[in-house]
Protein backbone atom coordinates (compact mmCIF):
# COMPACT_ATOMS: atom_id res chain seq x y z
CA MET A 1 12.36 -31.67 3.27
CA ILE A 2 11.58 -31.48 6.98
CA HIS A 3 14.34 -30.56 9.42
CA ALA A 4 13.86 -31.20 13.13
CA GLU A 5 16.80 -28.98 14.12
CA ILE A 6 17.09 -25.29 13.24
CA ALA A 7 20.77 -25.70 12.28
CA ASP A 8 19.81 -28.32 9.68
CA PHE A 9 17.02 -26.07 8.43
CA ALA A 10 19.51 -23.20 8.09
CA ALA A 11 21.97 -25.37 6.15
CA ALA A 12 19.26 -26.40 3.69
CA LEU A 13 18.19 -22.82 2.87
CA PRO A 14 19.65 -20.76 0.02
CA PRO A 15 21.68 -17.71 1.17
CA VAL A 16 18.77 -15.30 0.60
CA GLY A 17 15.04 -15.58 0.23
CA ALA A 18 11.99 -15.01 2.38
CA ILE A 19 10.56 -17.61 4.72
CA ALA A 20 7.15 -17.88 6.39
CA GLY A 21 6.28 -18.64 9.98
CA LEU A 22 3.12 -20.55 10.79
CA ASP A 23 1.14 -20.70 14.01
CA LEU A 24 -1.05 -23.78 13.54
CA GLY A 25 -4.20 -23.70 15.61
CA THR A 26 -7.21 -25.96 15.52
CA LYS A 27 -9.39 -23.28 13.87
CA THR A 28 -6.87 -20.97 12.21
CA ILE A 29 -3.35 -20.77 10.83
CA GLY A 30 -1.50 -17.54 11.55
CA VAL A 31 0.96 -16.62 8.81
CA ALA A 32 3.92 -14.24 9.00
CA VAL A 33 6.62 -13.66 6.39
CA SER A 34 10.18 -12.37 6.45
CA ASP A 35 11.97 -10.05 4.10
CA GLY A 36 14.37 -11.61 1.58
CA LEU A 37 17.39 -11.04 3.82
CA ARG A 38 15.60 -12.72 6.74
CA GLN A 39 15.93 -9.82 9.15
CA VAL A 40 12.35 -8.94 10.08
CA ALA A 41 9.17 -10.97 10.48
CA SER A 42 5.88 -9.32 9.55
CA PRO A 43 2.44 -10.72 10.38
CA LEU A 44 0.59 -11.35 7.12
CA THR A 45 -2.77 -13.09 7.43
CA VAL A 46 -4.91 -15.67 9.16
CA ILE A 47 -6.19 -18.70 7.28
CA ARG A 48 -9.47 -20.14 8.57
CA ARG A 49 -8.93 -23.89 8.74
CA GLN A 50 -11.17 -26.07 6.61
CA LYS A 51 -9.59 -29.32 5.53
CA PHE A 52 -5.93 -30.03 4.92
CA THR A 53 -6.02 -29.86 1.10
CA LEU A 54 -7.68 -26.42 1.13
CA ASP A 55 -5.41 -25.12 3.91
CA ALA A 56 -2.32 -26.39 2.08
CA ALA A 57 -3.46 -24.88 -1.22
CA GLU A 58 -3.85 -21.48 0.42
CA LEU A 59 -0.44 -21.72 2.12
CA LEU A 60 1.28 -22.82 -1.07
CA ALA A 61 -0.37 -19.97 -2.99
CA ILE A 62 1.13 -17.53 -0.47
CA ALA A 63 4.50 -19.28 -0.82
CA ARG A 64 4.36 -19.04 -4.61
CA ASP A 65 3.19 -15.39 -4.68
CA ARG A 66 5.88 -14.31 -2.21
CA VAL A 67 8.60 -16.58 -3.65
CA LEU A 68 9.27 -18.20 -0.28
CA VAL A 69 12.20 -20.58 0.21
CA GLY A 70 11.16 -22.13 3.52
CA LEU A 71 8.51 -22.57 6.19
CA ILE A 72 8.90 -22.50 9.96
CA LEU A 73 6.10 -24.18 11.88
CA GLY A 74 5.58 -23.29 15.50
CA LEU A 75 5.95 -26.49 17.53
CA PRO A 76 3.69 -26.35 20.60
CA ARG A 77 5.72 -28.01 23.33
CA ASN A 78 4.54 -28.35 26.91
CA MET A 79 6.24 -26.13 29.49
CA ASP A 80 8.44 -29.08 30.55
CA GLY A 81 9.67 -29.48 26.95
CA SER A 82 7.68 -32.63 26.22
CA GLU A 83 5.42 -32.94 23.21
CA GLY A 84 1.70 -33.53 23.45
CA PRO A 85 -1.07 -34.15 20.93
CA ARG A 86 -0.85 -30.64 19.40
CA ALA A 87 2.86 -31.09 18.66
CA GLN A 88 2.14 -34.44 17.01
CA SER A 89 -0.60 -32.78 14.96
CA THR A 90 1.90 -30.10 13.84
CA ARG A 91 4.42 -32.77 12.81
CA ALA A 92 1.69 -34.62 10.87
CA PHE A 93 0.74 -31.36 9.11
CA ALA A 94 4.40 -30.88 8.13
CA ARG A 95 4.65 -34.45 6.78
CA ASN A 96 1.52 -33.98 4.70
CA LEU A 97 2.70 -30.59 3.43
CA GLU A 98 6.10 -32.04 2.52
CA ARG A 99 4.35 -34.29 -0.03
CA LEU A 100 3.03 -31.21 -1.83
CA THR A 101 6.05 -28.91 -1.94
CA ASP A 102 9.83 -28.77 -2.23
CA LEU A 103 10.02 -25.94 0.33
CA THR A 104 12.37 -26.51 3.25
CA ILE A 105 10.34 -27.04 6.41
CA GLY A 106 11.54 -26.54 9.97
CA PHE A 107 10.16 -26.23 13.49
CA TRP A 108 10.52 -23.57 16.17
CA ASP A 109 9.51 -23.93 19.80
CA GLU A 110 6.45 -21.74 20.14
CA ARG A 111 6.03 -21.82 23.90
CA LEU A 112 4.56 -18.55 25.11
CA SER A 113 4.39 -16.99 21.62
CA THR A 114 0.65 -16.37 21.95
CA VAL A 115 1.18 -14.90 25.41
CA ALA A 116 3.83 -12.52 24.01
CA ALA A 117 1.57 -11.60 21.09
CA GLU A 118 -1.36 -10.92 23.43
CA ARG A 119 0.84 -8.76 25.66
CA ALA A 120 2.11 -6.74 22.68
CA LEU A 121 -1.43 -6.18 21.41
CA LEU A 122 -2.59 -5.10 24.89
CA GLU A 123 0.33 -2.67 25.14
CA ALA A 124 -0.68 -1.25 21.77
CA ASP A 125 -4.18 -0.70 23.24
CA THR A 126 -5.75 -2.95 20.62
CA SER A 127 -9.47 -3.59 21.07
CA ARG A 128 -10.65 -7.03 22.15
CA LYS A 129 -12.33 -7.60 18.78
CA ARG A 130 -9.22 -6.62 16.83
CA ARG A 131 -6.98 -8.76 19.09
CA ALA A 132 -9.14 -11.79 18.32
CA GLU A 133 -8.78 -11.09 14.59
CA VAL A 134 -4.98 -10.73 14.53
CA ILE A 135 -3.62 -12.74 17.48
CA ASP A 136 -2.67 -15.77 15.38
CA GLN A 137 -0.75 -13.83 12.75
CA VAL A 138 1.04 -11.80 15.44
CA ALA A 139 1.94 -15.08 17.22
CA ALA A 140 3.25 -16.38 13.88
CA GLY A 141 5.37 -13.22 13.70
CA TYR A 142 6.85 -13.98 17.13
CA ILE A 143 7.58 -17.56 16.08
CA LEU A 144 9.23 -16.45 12.84
CA GLN A 145 11.23 -13.64 14.46
CA GLY A 146 12.64 -16.07 17.03
CA ALA A 147 13.70 -18.41 14.24
CA LEU A 148 15.18 -15.53 12.19
CA ASP A 149 17.21 -14.36 15.18
CA ARG A 150 18.56 -17.88 15.64
CA LEU A 151 19.35 -18.23 11.93
CA ARG A 152 21.33 -14.98 12.06
CA TYR A 153 23.26 -16.27 15.06
CA LEU A 154 24.05 -19.56 13.28
CA ALA A 155 25.31 -17.67 10.21
CA ARG A 156 28.13 -16.01 12.21
């Protein structure tokens, strides 16, 4: 089931279990996963986009292997908070994915997540080539960590 609000997403999740964060790009999908207690997000991998069925199969294989209970998709809003074509594409991806899985799906505002990921990689003195390889999964980590922090706040 898809939840537009993070509070609804939180209410639909079991008390424990890992979740994944996704940074959906036009060419890649960055994937990060949490620990079972949902404290820490860790970048995992980058999926090279092909077509939806193949992308979904790869995501669902990760979900199955890691026994995930939910997915957070980064929602690319404009700086003024409005939604453009990329946000609509993300919502369509979620609707299509919902048909294939019972996982709880939610959204997290991903504004500036790639900027934060790039800054962190620069501070770590990561080479340009390596940054290009991992930027999407690090951005997914930022998206997921933001959602995890909010989920912890809501659980108080």
